[in-house]
Amino acid sequence: MKTAEIKITVELDDNNNPDNILWESTDAETTDKVPVKAMILALWDHNYKNSMRIDLWTKDMPVDEMKRFFYETLQTMGDSFLKATNETLIVEDLRDYCAHFADKMGIVEGQ
């Protein structure tokens, strides 16, 4: 069995707000720590039947990039849900919502 490790390092300021977020993976093409401005981590707890989340962003994350980040996250969640469940109708609804979200947030799709 193959094992991979994902490591996330969060550098905090004096008020415990993220200054920097770095991630690295033992299975990546590079061994570099990659800086990111935001992250959403969701985990499913099978025993308690609930999700656990960590949502972090640095204080210098631009609002327009945060809007784009949420848009792309919603889109890729649809991809994952379709792959996991084959529920095409609800994923089409989610895609419709994503288009609405992009319109309301002034996000140009495909850029």
PDB file of N, CA and C in Angstrom:
ATOM      1  N   MET A   1       0.835  -1.174   0.000  1.00  0.00           N
ATOM      2  CA  MET A   1       0.000   0.000   0.000  1.00  0.00           C
ATOM      3  C   MET A   1       0.884   1.242   0.000  1.00  0.00           C
ATOM      4  N   LYS A   2       0.510   2.206  -0.792  1.00  0.00           N
ATOM      5  CA  LYS A   2       1.237   3.473  -0.872  1.00  0.00           C
ATOM      6  C   LYS A   2       0.666   4.440   0.159  1.00  0.00           C
ATOM      7  N   THR A   3       1.518   5.256   0.736  1.00  0.00           N
ATOM      8  CA  THR A   3       1.108   6.271   1.703  1.00  0.00           C
ATOM      9  C   THR A   3       1.625   7.627   1.255  1.00  0.00           C
ATOM     10  N   ALA A   4       0.792   8.630   1.379  1.00  0.00           N
ATOM     11  CA  ALA A   4       1.201  10.011   1.102  1.00  0.00           C
ATOM     12  C   ALA A   4       0.813  10.867   2.298  1.00  0.00           C
ATOM     13  N   GLU A   5       1.597  11.885   2.544  1.00  0.00           N
ATOM     14  CA  GLU A   5       1.330  12.791   3.658  1.00  0.00           C
ATOM     15  C   GLU A   5       1.169  14.202   3.119  1.00  0.00           C
ATOM     16  N   ILE A   6       0.128  14.873   3.586  1.00  0.00           N
ATOM     17  CA  ILE A   6      -0.098  16.281   3.257  1.00  0.00           C
ATOM     18  C   ILE A   6       0.120  17.075   4.538  1.00  0.00           C
ATOM     19  N   LYS A   7       0.957  18.078   4.435  1.00  0.00           N
ATOM     20  CA  LYS A   7       1.273  18.901   5.612  1.00  0.00           C
ATOM     21  C   LYS A   7       0.874  20.342   5.326  1.00  0.00           C
ATOM     22  N   ILE A   8       0.157  20.937   6.266  1.00  0.00           N
ATOM     23  CA  ILE A   8      -0.245  22.336   6.169  1.00  0.00           C
ATOM     24  C   ILE A   8       0.361  23.072   7.356  1.00  0.00           C
ATOM     25  N   THR A   9       1.102  24.120   7.056  1.00  0.00           N
ATOM     26  CA  THR A   9       1.710  24.943   8.098  1.00  0.00           C
ATOM     27  C   THR A   9       1.053  26.314   8.067  1.00  0.00           C
ATOM     28  N   VAL A  10       0.568  26.755   9.213  1.00  0.00           N
ATOM     29  CA  VAL A  10      -0.078  28.066   9.317  1.00  0.00           C
ATOM     30  C   VAL A  10       0.756  28.929  10.249  1.00  0.00           C
ATOM     31  N   GLU A  11       1.285  30.021   9.700  1.00  0.00           N
ATOM     32  CA  GLU A  11       2.043  30.981  10.494  1.00  0.00           C
ATOM     33  C   GLU A  11       1.068  32.055  10.963  1.00  0.00           C
ATOM     34  N   LEU A  12       1.019  32.269  12.282  1.00  0.00           N
ATOM     35  CA  LEU A  12       0.043  33.175  12.882  1.00  0.00           C
ATOM     36  C   LEU A  12       0.683  34.466  13.366  1.00  0.00           C
ATOM     37  N   ASP A  13      -0.108  35.536  13.360  1.00  0.00           N
ATOM     38  CA  ASP A  13       0.363  36.797  13.935  1.00  0.00           C
ATOM     39  C   ASP A  13       0.100  36.776  15.442  1.00  0.00           C
ATOM     40  N   ASP A  14       0.330  37.892  16.106  1.00  0.00           N
ATOM     41  CA  ASP A  14       0.154  37.968  17.558  1.00  0.00           C
ATOM     42  C   ASP A  14      -1.290  37.753  17.997  1.00  0.00           C
ATOM     43  N   ASN A  15      -2.250  37.963  17.090  1.00  0.00           N
ATOM     44  CA  ASN A  15      -3.666  37.767  17.399  1.00  0.00           C
ATOM     45  C   ASN A  15      -4.199  36.427  16.895  1.00  0.00           C
ATOM     46  N   ASN A  16      -3.302  35.539  16.536  1.00  0.00           N
ATOM     47  CA  ASN A  16      -3.644  34.209  16.019  1.00  0.00           C
ATOM     48  C   ASN A  16      -4.387  34.232  14.685  1.00  0.00           C
ATOM     49  N   ASN A  17      -4.174  35.278  13.905  1.00  0.00           N
ATOM     50  CA  ASN A  17      -4.711  35.340  12.547  1.00  0.00           C
ATOM     51  C   ASN A  17      -3.641  34.848  11.576  1.00  0.00           C
ATOM     52  N   PRO A  18      -4.045  34.087  10.556  1.00  0.00           N
ATOM     53  CA  PRO A  18      -3.043  33.554   9.621  1.00  0.00           C
ATOM     54  C   PRO A  18      -2.299  34.649   8.856  1.00  0.00           C
ATOM     55  N   ASP A  19      -0.990  34.635   8.957  1.00  0.00           N
ATOM     56  CA  ASP A  19      -0.133  35.494   8.146  1.00  0.00           C
ATOM     57  C   ASP A  19       0.251  34.778   6.861  1.00  0.00           C
ATOM     58  N   ASN A  20       0.586  33.497   7.000  1.00  0.00           N
ATOM     59  CA  ASN A  20       0.998  32.680   5.867  1.00  0.00           C
ATOM     60  C   ASN A  20       0.442  31.273   6.033  1.00  0.00           C
ATOM     61  N   ILE A  21       0.070  30.679   4.910  1.00  0.00           N
ATOM     62  CA  ILE A  21      -0.348  29.288   4.881  1.00  0.00           C
ATOM     63  C   ILE A  21       0.521  28.596   3.834  1.00  0.00           C
ATOM     64  N   LEU A  22       1.152  27.514   4.244  1.00  0.00           N
ATOM     65  CA  LEU A  22       2.025  26.752   3.353  1.00  0.00           C
ATOM     66  C   LEU A  22       1.554  25.300   3.348  1.00  0.00           C
ATOM     67  N   TRP A  23       1.592  24.681   2.189  1.00  0.00           N
ATOM     68  CA  TRP A  23       1.256  23.259   2.133  1.00  0.00           C
ATOM     69  C   TRP A  23       2.293  22.521   1.325  1.00  0.00           C
ATOM     70  N   GLU A  24       2.446  21.259   1.677  1.00  0.00           N
ATOM     71  CA  GLU A  24       3.383  20.396   0.973  1.00  0.00           C
ATOM     72  C   GLU A  24       2.841  18.971   1.020  1.00  0.00           C
ATOM     73  N   SER A  25       3.296  18.163   0.073  1.00  0.00           N
ATOM     74  CA  SER A  25       2.847  16.785  -0.009  1.00  0.00           C
ATOM     75  C   SER A  25       4.018  15.887  -0.351  1.00  0.00           C
ATOM     76  N   THR A  26       4.059  14.731   0.274  1.00  0.00           N
ATOM     77  CA  THR A  26       5.115  13.776  -0.027  1.00  0.00           C
ATOM     78  C   THR A  26       4.911  13.152  -1.400  1.00  0.00           C
ATOM     79  N   ASP A  27       3.734  13.317  -1.977  1.00  0.00           N
ATOM     80  CA  ASP A  27       3.412  12.735  -3.278  1.00  0.00           C
ATOM     81  C   ASP A  27       3.460  13.767  -4.408  1.00  0.00           C
ATOM     82  N   ALA A  28       3.889  14.989  -4.095  1.00  0.00           N
ATOM     83  CA  ALA A  28       3.926  16.061  -5.100  1.00  0.00           C
ATOM     84  C   ALA A  28       5.170  15.938  -5.974  1.00  0.00           C
ATOM     85  N   GLU A  29       5.131  16.618  -7.105  1.00  0.00           N
ATOM     86  CA  GLU A  29       6.283  16.624  -8.014  1.00  0.00           C
ATOM     87  C   GLU A  29       7.443  17.422  -7.438  1.00  0.00           C
ATOM     88  N   THR A  30       7.141  18.335  -6.540  1.00  0.00           N
ATOM     89  CA  THR A  30       8.165  19.165  -5.928  1.00  0.00           C
ATOM     90  C   THR A  30       8.133  18.990  -4.416  1.00  0.00           C
ATOM     91  N   THR A  31       9.241  19.225  -3.768  1.00  0.00           N
ATOM     92  CA  THR A  31       9.289  19.153  -2.309  1.00  0.00           C
ATOM     93  C   THR A  31       9.119  20.530  -1.678  1.00  0.00           C
ATOM     94  N   ASP A  32       8.868  21.537  -2.511  1.00  0.00           N
ATOM     95  CA  ASP A  32       8.718  22.894  -2.019  1.00  0.00           C
ATOM     96  C   ASP A  32       7.464  23.046  -1.178  1.00  0.00           C
ATOM     97  N   LYS A  33       7.537  23.936  -0.186  1.00  0.00           N
ATOM     98  CA  LYS A  33       6.346  24.353   0.539  1.00  0.00           C
ATOM     99  C   LYS A  33       5.668  25.409  -0.329  1.00  0.00           C
ATOM    100  N   VAL A  34       4.413  25.190  -0.651  1.00  0.00           N
ATOM    101  CA  VAL A  34       3.698  26.069  -1.567  1.00  0.00           C
ATOM    102  C   VAL A  34       2.849  27.053  -0.757  1.00  0.00           C
ATOM    103  N   PRO A  35       3.078  28.365  -0.945  1.00  0.00           N
ATOM    104  CA  PRO A  35       2.268  29.343  -0.218  1.00  0.00           C
ATOM    105  C   PRO A  35       0.888  29.486  -0.851  1.00  0.00           C
ATOM    106  N   VAL A  36      -0.140  29.576  -0.009  1.00  0.00           N
ATOM    107  CA  VAL A  36      -1.516  29.803  -0.465  1.00  0.00           C
ATOM    108  C   VAL A  36      -2.127  30.903   0.391  1.00  0.00           C
ATOM    109  N   LYS A  37      -3.161  31.541  -0.132  1.00  0.00           N
ATOM    110  CA  LYS A  37      -3.819  32.630   0.586  1.00  0.00           C
ATOM    111  C   LYS A  37      -5.068  32.178   1.338  1.00  0.00           C
ATOM    112  N   ALA A  38      -5.630  31.012   0.954  1.00  0.00           N
ATOM    113  CA  ALA A  38      -6.837  30.525   1.617  1.00  0.00           C
ATOM    114  C   ALA A  38      -6.927  29.021   1.472  1.00  0.00           C
ATOM    115  N   MET A  39      -7.687  28.410   2.385  1.00  0.00           N
ATOM    116  CA  MET A  39      -7.907  26.969   2.316  1.00  0.00           C
ATOM    117  C   MET A  39      -9.236  26.613   2.951  1.00  0.00           C
ATOM    118  N   ILE A  40      -9.824  25.561   2.441  1.00  0.00           N
ATOM    119  CA  ILE A  40     -11.020  24.966   3.028  1.00  0.00           C
ATOM    120  C   ILE A  40     -10.734  23.476   3.132  1.00  0.00           C
ATOM    121  N   LEU A  41     -10.782  22.966   4.327  1.00  0.00           N
ATOM    122  CA  LEU A  41     -10.560  21.548   4.555  1.00  0.00           C
ATOM    123  C   LEU A  41     -11.814  20.982   5.203  1.00  0.00           C
ATOM    124  N   ALA A  42     -12.410  19.985   4.575  1.00  0.00           N
ATOM    125  CA  ALA A  42     -13.599  19.342   5.121  1.00  0.00           C
ATOM    126  C   ALA A  42     -13.315  17.859   5.294  1.00  0.00           C
ATOM    127  N   LEU A  43     -13.653  17.349   6.455  1.00  0.00           N
ATOM    128  CA  LEU A  43     -13.441  15.944   6.777  1.00  0.00           C
ATOM    129  C   LEU A  43     -14.757  15.353   7.270  1.00  0.00           C
ATOM    130  N   TRP A  44     -15.016  14.094   6.931  1.00  0.00           N
ATOM    131  CA  TRP A  44     -16.232  13.422   7.367  1.00  0.00           C
ATOM    132  C   TRP A  44     -15.893  12.492   8.527  1.00  0.00           C
ATOM    133  N   ASP A  45     -16.566  12.699   9.657  1.00  0.00           N
ATOM    134  CA  ASP A  45     -16.399  11.840  10.827  1.00  0.00           C
ATOM    135  C   ASP A  45     -17.466  10.752  10.768  1.00  0.00           C
ATOM    136  N   HIS A  46     -17.046   9.551  10.381  1.00  0.00           N
ATOM    137  CA  HIS A  46     -17.971   8.431  10.213  1.00  0.00           C
ATOM    138  C   HIS A  46     -18.644   8.038  11.534  1.00  0.00           C
ATOM    139  N   ASN A  47     -17.906   8.120  12.629  1.00  0.00           N
ATOM    140  CA  ASN A  47     -18.468   7.708  13.920  1.00  0.00           C
ATOM    141  C   ASN A  47     -19.582   8.626  14.392  1.00  0.00           C
ATOM    142  N   TYR A  48     -19.397   9.935  14.228  1.00  0.00           N
ATOM    143  CA  TYR A  48     -20.391  10.895  14.691  1.00  0.00           C
ATOM    144  C   TYR A  48     -21.335  11.363  13.587  1.00  0.00           C
ATOM    145  N   LYS A  49     -21.066  10.917  12.357  1.00  0.00           N
ATOM    146  CA  LYS A  49     -21.896  11.274  11.192  1.00  0.00           C
ATOM    147  C   LYS A  49     -22.038  12.790  11.032  1.00  0.00           C
ATOM    148  N   ASN A  50     -20.896  13.453  11.079  1.00  0.00           N
ATOM    149  CA  ASN A  50     -20.894  14.898  10.829  1.00  0.00           C
ATOM    150  C   ASN A  50     -19.574  15.315  10.203  1.00  0.00           C
ATOM    151  N   SER A  51     -19.578  16.515   9.675  1.00  0.00           N
ATOM    152  CA  SER A  51     -18.368  17.021   9.030  1.00  0.00           C
ATOM    153  C   SER A  51     -17.619  17.943   9.976  1.00  0.00           C
ATOM    154  N   MET A  52     -16.336  17.975   9.760  1.00  0.00           N
ATOM    155  CA  MET A  52     -15.445  18.871  10.490  1.00  0.00           C
ATOM    156  C   MET A  52     -14.755  19.728   9.442  1.00  0.00           C
ATOM    157  N   ARG A  53     -14.628  21.019   9.727  1.00  0.00           N
ATOM    158  CA  ARG A  53     -14.066  21.922   8.725  1.00  0.00           C
ATOM    159  C   ARG A  53     -13.032  22.839   9.348  1.00  0.00           C
ATOM    160  N   ILE A  54     -12.096  23.205   8.502  1.00  0.00           N
ATOM    161  CA  ILE A  54     -11.156  24.269   8.834  1.00  0.00           C
ATOM    162  C   ILE A  54     -11.160  25.215   7.637  1.00  0.00           C
ATOM    163  N   ASP A  55     -11.563  26.443   7.853  1.00  0.00           N
ATOM    164  CA  ASP A  55     -11.551  27.480   6.830  1.00  0.00           C
ATOM    165  C   ASP A  55     -10.580  28.564   7.287  1.00  0.00           C
ATOM    166  N   LEU A  56      -9.534  28.766   6.520  1.00  0.00           N
ATOM    167  CA  LEU A  56      -8.538  29.782   6.870  1.00  0.00           C
ATOM    168  C   LEU A  56      -8.198  30.616   5.651  1.00  0.00           C
ATOM    169  N   TRP A  57      -7.898  31.875   5.891  1.00  0.00           N
ATOM    170  CA  TRP A  57      -7.387  32.745   4.843  1.00  0.00           C
ATOM    171  C   TRP A  57      -6.491  33.777   5.491  1.00  0.00           C
ATOM    172  N   THR A  58      -5.503  34.204   4.737  1.00  0.00           N
ATOM    173  CA  THR A  58      -4.570  35.209   5.253  1.00  0.00           C
ATOM    174  C   THR A  58      -5.224  36.581   5.186  1.00  0.00           C
ATOM    175  N   LYS A  59      -4.721  37.472   6.017  1.00  0.00           N
ATOM    176  CA  LYS A  59      -5.330  38.804   6.071  1.00  0.00           C
ATOM    177  C   LYS A  59      -5.092  39.607   4.798  1.00  0.00           C
ATOM    178  N   ASP A  60      -4.144  39.156   3.965  1.00  0.00           N
ATOM    179  CA  ASP A  60      -3.912  39.871   2.708  1.00  0.00           C
ATOM    180  C   ASP A  60      -4.573  39.169   1.510  1.00  0.00           C
ATOM    181  N   MET A  61      -5.504  38.258   1.782  1.00  0.00           N
ATOM    182  CA  MET A  61      -6.266  37.606   0.708  1.00  0.00           C
ATOM    183  C   MET A  61      -7.222  38.640   0.116  1.00  0.00           C
ATOM    184  N   PRO A  62      -7.058  38.975  -1.160  1.00  0.00           N
ATOM    185  CA  PRO A  62      -7.947  39.970  -1.771  1.00  0.00           C
ATOM    186  C   PRO A  62      -9.387  39.459  -1.868  1.00  0.00           C
ATOM    187  N   VAL A  63     -10.339  40.341  -1.670  1.00  0.00           N
ATOM    188  CA  VAL A  63     -11.756  39.967  -1.698  1.00  0.00           C
ATOM    189  C   VAL A  63     -12.145  39.387  -3.053  1.00  0.00           C
ATOM    190  N   ASP A  64     -11.639  39.968  -4.148  1.00  0.00           N
ATOM    191  CA  ASP A  64     -12.003  39.429  -5.464  1.00  0.00           C
ATOM    192  C   ASP A  64     -11.478  38.004  -5.646  1.00  0.00           C
ATOM    193  N   GLU A  65     -10.311  37.706  -5.078  1.00  0.00           N
ATOM    194  CA  GLU A  65      -9.794  36.346  -5.152  1.00  0.00           C
ATOM    195  C   GLU A  65     -10.586  35.407  -4.238  1.00  0.00           C
ATOM    196  N   MET A  66     -11.072  35.905  -3.105  1.00  0.00           N
ATOM    197  CA  MET A  66     -11.891  35.082  -2.216  1.00  0.00           C
ATOM    198  C   MET A  66     -13.197  34.700  -2.920  1.00  0.00           C
ATOM    199  N   LYS A  67     -13.792  35.647  -3.632  1.00  0.00           N
ATOM    200  CA  LYS A  67     -15.008  35.354  -4.387  1.00  0.00           C
ATOM    201  C   LYS A  67     -14.739  34.279  -5.426  1.00  0.00           C
ATOM    202  N   ARG A  68     -13.635  34.390  -6.124  1.00  0.00           N
ATOM    203  CA  ARG A  68     -13.260  33.406  -7.140  1.00  0.00           C
ATOM    204  C   ARG A  68     -12.974  32.044  -6.505  1.00  0.00           C
ATOM    205  N   PHE A  69     -12.302  32.060  -5.356  1.00  0.00           N
ATOM    206  CA  PHE A  69     -11.994  30.842  -4.622  1.00  0.00           C
ATOM    207  C   PHE A  69     -13.271  30.095  -4.243  1.00  0.00           C
ATOM    208  N   PHE A  70     -14.261  30.814  -3.726  1.00  0.00           N
ATOM    209  CA  PHE A  70     -15.528  30.172  -3.362  1.00  0.00           C
ATOM    210  C   PHE A  70     -16.256  29.655  -4.596  1.00  0.00           C
ATOM    211  N   TYR A  71     -16.250  30.418  -5.652  1.00  0.00           N
ATOM    212  CA  TYR A  71     -16.884  29.978  -6.896  1.00  0.00           C
ATOM    213  C   TYR A  71     -16.249  28.669  -7.391  1.00  0.00           C
ATOM    214  N   GLU A  72     -14.941  28.647  -7.470  1.00  0.00           N
ATOM    215  CA  GLU A  72     -14.259  27.451  -7.958  1.00  0.00           C
ATOM    216  C   GLU A  72     -14.431  26.273  -7.009  1.00  0.00           C
ATOM    217  N   THR A  73     -14.485  26.546  -5.709  1.00  0.00           N
ATOM    218  CA  THR A  73     -14.712  25.479  -4.732  1.00  0.00           C
ATOM    219  C   THR A  73     -16.098  24.872  -4.914  1.00  0.00           C
ATOM    220  N   LEU A  74     -17.101  25.713  -5.101  1.00  0.00           N
ATOM    221  CA  LEU A  74     -18.455  25.200  -5.348  1.00  0.00           C
ATOM    222  C   LEU A  74     -18.495  24.362  -6.618  1.00  0.00           C
ATOM    223  N   GLN A  75     -17.834  24.833  -7.673  1.00  0.00           N
ATOM    224  CA  GLN A  75     -17.797  24.083  -8.930  1.00  0.00           C
ATOM    225  C   GLN A  75     -17.146  22.710  -8.733  1.00  0.00           C
ATOM    226  N   THR A  76     -16.007  22.686  -8.079  1.00  0.00           N
ATOM    227  CA  THR A  76     -15.301  21.415  -7.916  1.00  0.00           C
ATOM    228  C   THR A  76     -16.013  20.491  -6.926  1.00  0.00           C
ATOM    229  N   MET A  77     -16.759  21.063  -5.980  1.00  0.00           N
ATOM    230  CA  MET A  77     -17.574  20.225  -5.105  1.00  0.00           C
ATOM    231  C   MET A  77     -18.645  19.511  -5.930  1.00  0.00           C
ATOM    232  N   GLY A  78     -19.184  20.195  -6.925  1.00  0.00           N
ATOM    233  CA  GLY A  78     -20.138  19.561  -7.829  1.00  0.00           C
ATOM    234  C   GLY A  78     -19.497  18.413  -8.585  1.00  0.00           C
ATOM    235  N   ASP A  79     -18.273  18.622  -9.076  1.00  0.00           N
ATOM    236  CA  ASP A  79     -17.542  17.557  -9.768  1.00  0.00           C
ATOM    237  C   ASP A  79     -17.369  16.340  -8.858  1.00  0.00           C
ATOM    238  N   SER A  80     -16.947  16.598  -7.626  1.00  0.00           N
ATOM    239  CA  SER A  80     -16.716  15.504  -6.674  1.00  0.00           C
ATOM    240  C   SER A  80     -18.008  14.783  -6.333  1.00  0.00           C
ATOM    241  N   PHE A  81     -19.081  15.554  -6.126  1.00  0.00           N
ATOM    242  CA  PHE A  81     -20.360  14.947  -5.774  1.00  0.00           C
ATOM    243  C   PHE A  81     -20.881  14.083  -6.921  1.00  0.00           C
ATOM    244  N   LEU A  82     -20.729  14.572  -8.149  1.00  0.00           N
ATOM    245  CA  LEU A  82     -21.156  13.798  -9.317  1.00  0.00           C
ATOM    246  C   LEU A  82     -20.361  12.496  -9.416  1.00  0.00           C
ATOM    247  N   LYS A  83     -19.063  12.588  -9.238  1.00  0.00           N
ATOM    248  CA  LYS A  83     -18.212  11.403  -9.319  1.00  0.00           C
ATOM    249  C   LYS A  83     -18.557  10.391  -8.224  1.00  0.00           C
ATOM    250  N   ALA A  84     -18.871  10.890  -7.023  1.00  0.00           N
ATOM    251  CA  ALA A  84     -19.136  10.011  -5.886  1.00  0.00           C
ATOM    252  C   ALA A  84     -20.538   9.401  -5.917  1.00  0.00           C
ATOM    253  N   THR A  85     -21.516  10.135  -6.477  1.00  0.00           N
ATOM    254  CA  THR A  85     -22.908   9.698  -6.352  1.00  0.00           C
ATOM    255  C   THR A  85     -23.628   9.479  -7.682  1.00  0.00           C
ATOM    256  N   ASN A  86     -23.091  10.057  -8.755  1.00  0.00           N
ATOM    257  CA  ASN A  86     -23.737  10.028 -10.071  1.00  0.00           C
ATOM    258  C   ASN A  86     -25.107  10.717 -10.055  1.00  0.00           C
ATOM    259  N   GLU A  87     -25.301  11.663  -9.160  1.00  0.00           N
ATOM    260  CA  GLU A  87     -26.550  12.423  -9.039  1.00  0.00           C
ATOM    261  C   GLU A  87     -26.505  13.619  -9.998  1.00  0.00           C
ATOM    262  N   THR A  88     -26.788  13.372 -11.263  1.00  0.00           N
ATOM    263  CA  THR A  88     -26.623  14.404 -12.284  1.00  0.00           C
ATOM    264  C   THR A  88     -27.603  15.572 -12.131  1.00  0.00           C
ATOM    265  N   LEU A  89     -28.837  15.296 -11.752  1.00  0.00           N
ATOM    266  CA  LEU A  89     -29.841  16.367 -11.688  1.00  0.00           C
ATOM    267  C   LEU A  89     -29.496  17.421 -10.643  1.00  0.00           C
ATOM    268  N   ILE A  90     -29.091  16.994  -9.452  1.00  0.00           N
ATOM    269  CA  ILE A  90     -28.768  17.977  -8.417  1.00  0.00           C
ATOM    270  C   ILE A  90     -27.475  18.712  -8.749  1.00  0.00           C
ATOM    271  N   VAL A  91     -26.555  18.039  -9.425  1.00  0.00           N
ATOM    272  CA  VAL A  91     -25.318  18.700  -9.826  1.00  0.00           C
ATOM    273  C   VAL A  91     -25.613  19.763 -10.885  1.00  0.00           C
ATOM    274  N   GLU A  92     -26.560  19.494 -11.762  1.00  0.00           N
ATOM    275  CA  GLU A  92     -26.989  20.528 -12.716  1.00  0.00           C
ATOM    276  C   GLU A  92     -27.554  21.733 -11.975  1.00  0.00           C
ATOM    277  N   ASP A  93     -28.322  21.493 -10.915  1.00  0.00           N
ATOM    278  CA  ASP A  93     -28.834  22.595 -10.094  1.00  0.00           C
ATOM    279  C   ASP A  93     -27.693  23.374  -9.450  1.00  0.00           C
ATOM    280  N   LEU A  94     -26.699  22.650  -8.967  1.00  0.00           N
ATOM    281  CA  LEU A  94     -25.544  23.319  -8.363  1.00  0.00           C
ATOM    282  C   LEU A  94     -24.801  24.149  -9.404  1.00  0.00           C
ATOM    283  N   ARG A  95     -24.653  23.626 -10.602  1.00  0.00           N
ATOM    284  CA  ARG A  95     -24.006  24.392 -11.688  1.00  0.00           C
ATOM    285  C   ARG A  95     -24.803  25.667 -11.986  1.00  0.00           C
ATOM    286  N   ASP A  96     -26.136  25.560 -11.985  1.00  0.00           N
ATOM    287  CA  ASP A  96     -26.975  26.749 -12.186  1.00  0.00           C
ATOM    288  C   ASP A  96     -26.721  27.765 -11.084  1.00  0.00           C
ATOM    289  N   TYR A  97     -26.641  27.283  -9.841  1.00  0.00           N
ATOM    290  CA  TYR A  97     -26.362  28.195  -8.741  1.00  0.00           C
ATOM    291  C   TYR A  97     -24.985  28.826  -8.896  1.00  0.00           C
ATOM    292  N   CYS A  98     -24.001  28.043  -9.309  1.00  0.00           N
ATOM    293  CA  CYS A  98     -22.645  28.573  -9.503  1.00  0.00           C
ATOM    294  C   CYS A  98     -22.646  29.699 -10.541  1.00  0.00           C
ATOM    295  N   ALA A  99     -23.416  29.519 -11.604  1.00  0.00           N
ATOM    296  CA  ALA A  99     -23.528  30.585 -12.617  1.00  0.00           C
ATOM    297  C   ALA A  99     -24.166  31.826 -12.000  1.00  0.00           C
ATOM    298  N   HIS A 100     -25.194  31.637 -11.176  1.00  0.00           N
ATOM    299  CA  HIS A 100     -25.843  32.751 -10.479  1.00  0.00           C
ATOM    300  C   HIS A 100     -24.855  33.439  -9.531  1.00  0.00           C
ATOM    301  N   PHE A 101     -24.103  32.632  -8.773  1.00  0.00           N
ATOM    302  CA  PHE A 101     -23.097  33.157  -7.854  1.00  0.00           C
ATOM    303  C   PHE A 101     -22.068  33.986  -8.613  1.00  0.00           C
ATOM    304  N   ALA A 102     -21.580  33.448  -9.737  1.00  0.00           N
ATOM    305  CA  ALA A 102     -20.586  34.161 -10.540  1.00  0.00           C
ATOM    306  C   ALA A 102     -21.136  35.480 -11.039  1.00  0.00           C
ATOM    307  N   ASP A 103     -22.385  35.470 -11.477  1.00  0.00           N
ATOM    308  CA  ASP A 103     -23.021  36.696 -11.951  1.00  0.00           C
ATOM    309  C   ASP A 103     -23.133  37.724 -10.827  1.00  0.00           C
ATOM    310  N   LYS A 104     -23.619  37.302  -9.674  1.00  0.00           N
ATOM    311  CA  LYS A 104     -23.799  38.223  -8.538  1.00  0.00           C
ATOM    312  C   LYS A 104     -22.475  38.766  -8.008  1.00  0.00           C
ATOM    313  N   MET A 105     -21.418  37.958  -8.102  1.00  0.00           N
ATOM    314  CA  MET A 105     -20.114  38.361  -7.583  1.00  0.00           C
ATOM    315  C   MET A 105     -19.246  39.042  -8.637  1.00  0.00           C
ATOM    316  N   GLY A 106     -19.742  39.139  -9.866  1.00  0.00           N
ATOM    317  CA  GLY A 106     -18.970  39.777 -10.924  1.00  0.00           C
ATOM    318  C   GLY A 106     -17.790  38.949 -11.383  1.00  0.00           C
ATOM    319  N   ILE A 107     -17.919  37.642 -11.272  1.00  0.00           N
ATOM    320  CA  ILE A 107     -16.852  36.723 -11.678  1.00  0.00           C
ATOM    321  C   ILE A 107     -17.069  36.350 -13.139  1.00  0.00           C
ATOM    322  N   VAL A 108     -16.040  36.511 -13.925  1.00  0.00           N
ATOM    323  CA  VAL A 108     -16.111  36.115 -15.327  1.00  0.00           C
ATOM    324  C   VAL A 108     -15.658  34.677 -15.408  1.00  0.00           C
ATOM    325  N   GLU A 109     -16.575  33.775 -15.817  1.00  0.00           N
ATOM    326  CA  GLU A 109     -16.244  32.363 -15.910  1.00  0.00           C
ATOM    327  C   GLU A 109     -15.172  32.134 -16.956  1.00  0.00           C
ATOM    328  N   GLY A 110     -14.272  31.202 -16.682  1.00  0.00           N
ATOM    329  CA  GLY A 110     -13.216  30.860 -17.621  1.00  0.00           C
ATOM    330  C   GLY A 110     -11.958  31.710 -17.502  1.00  0.00           C
ATOM    331  N   GLN A 111     -11.932  32.620 -16.539  1.00  0.00           N
ATOM    332  CA  GLN A 111     -10.716  33.446 -16.360  1.00  0.00           C
ATOM    333  C   GLN A 111     -10.033  33.087 -15.071  1.00  0.00           C
TER     334      GLN A 111
END
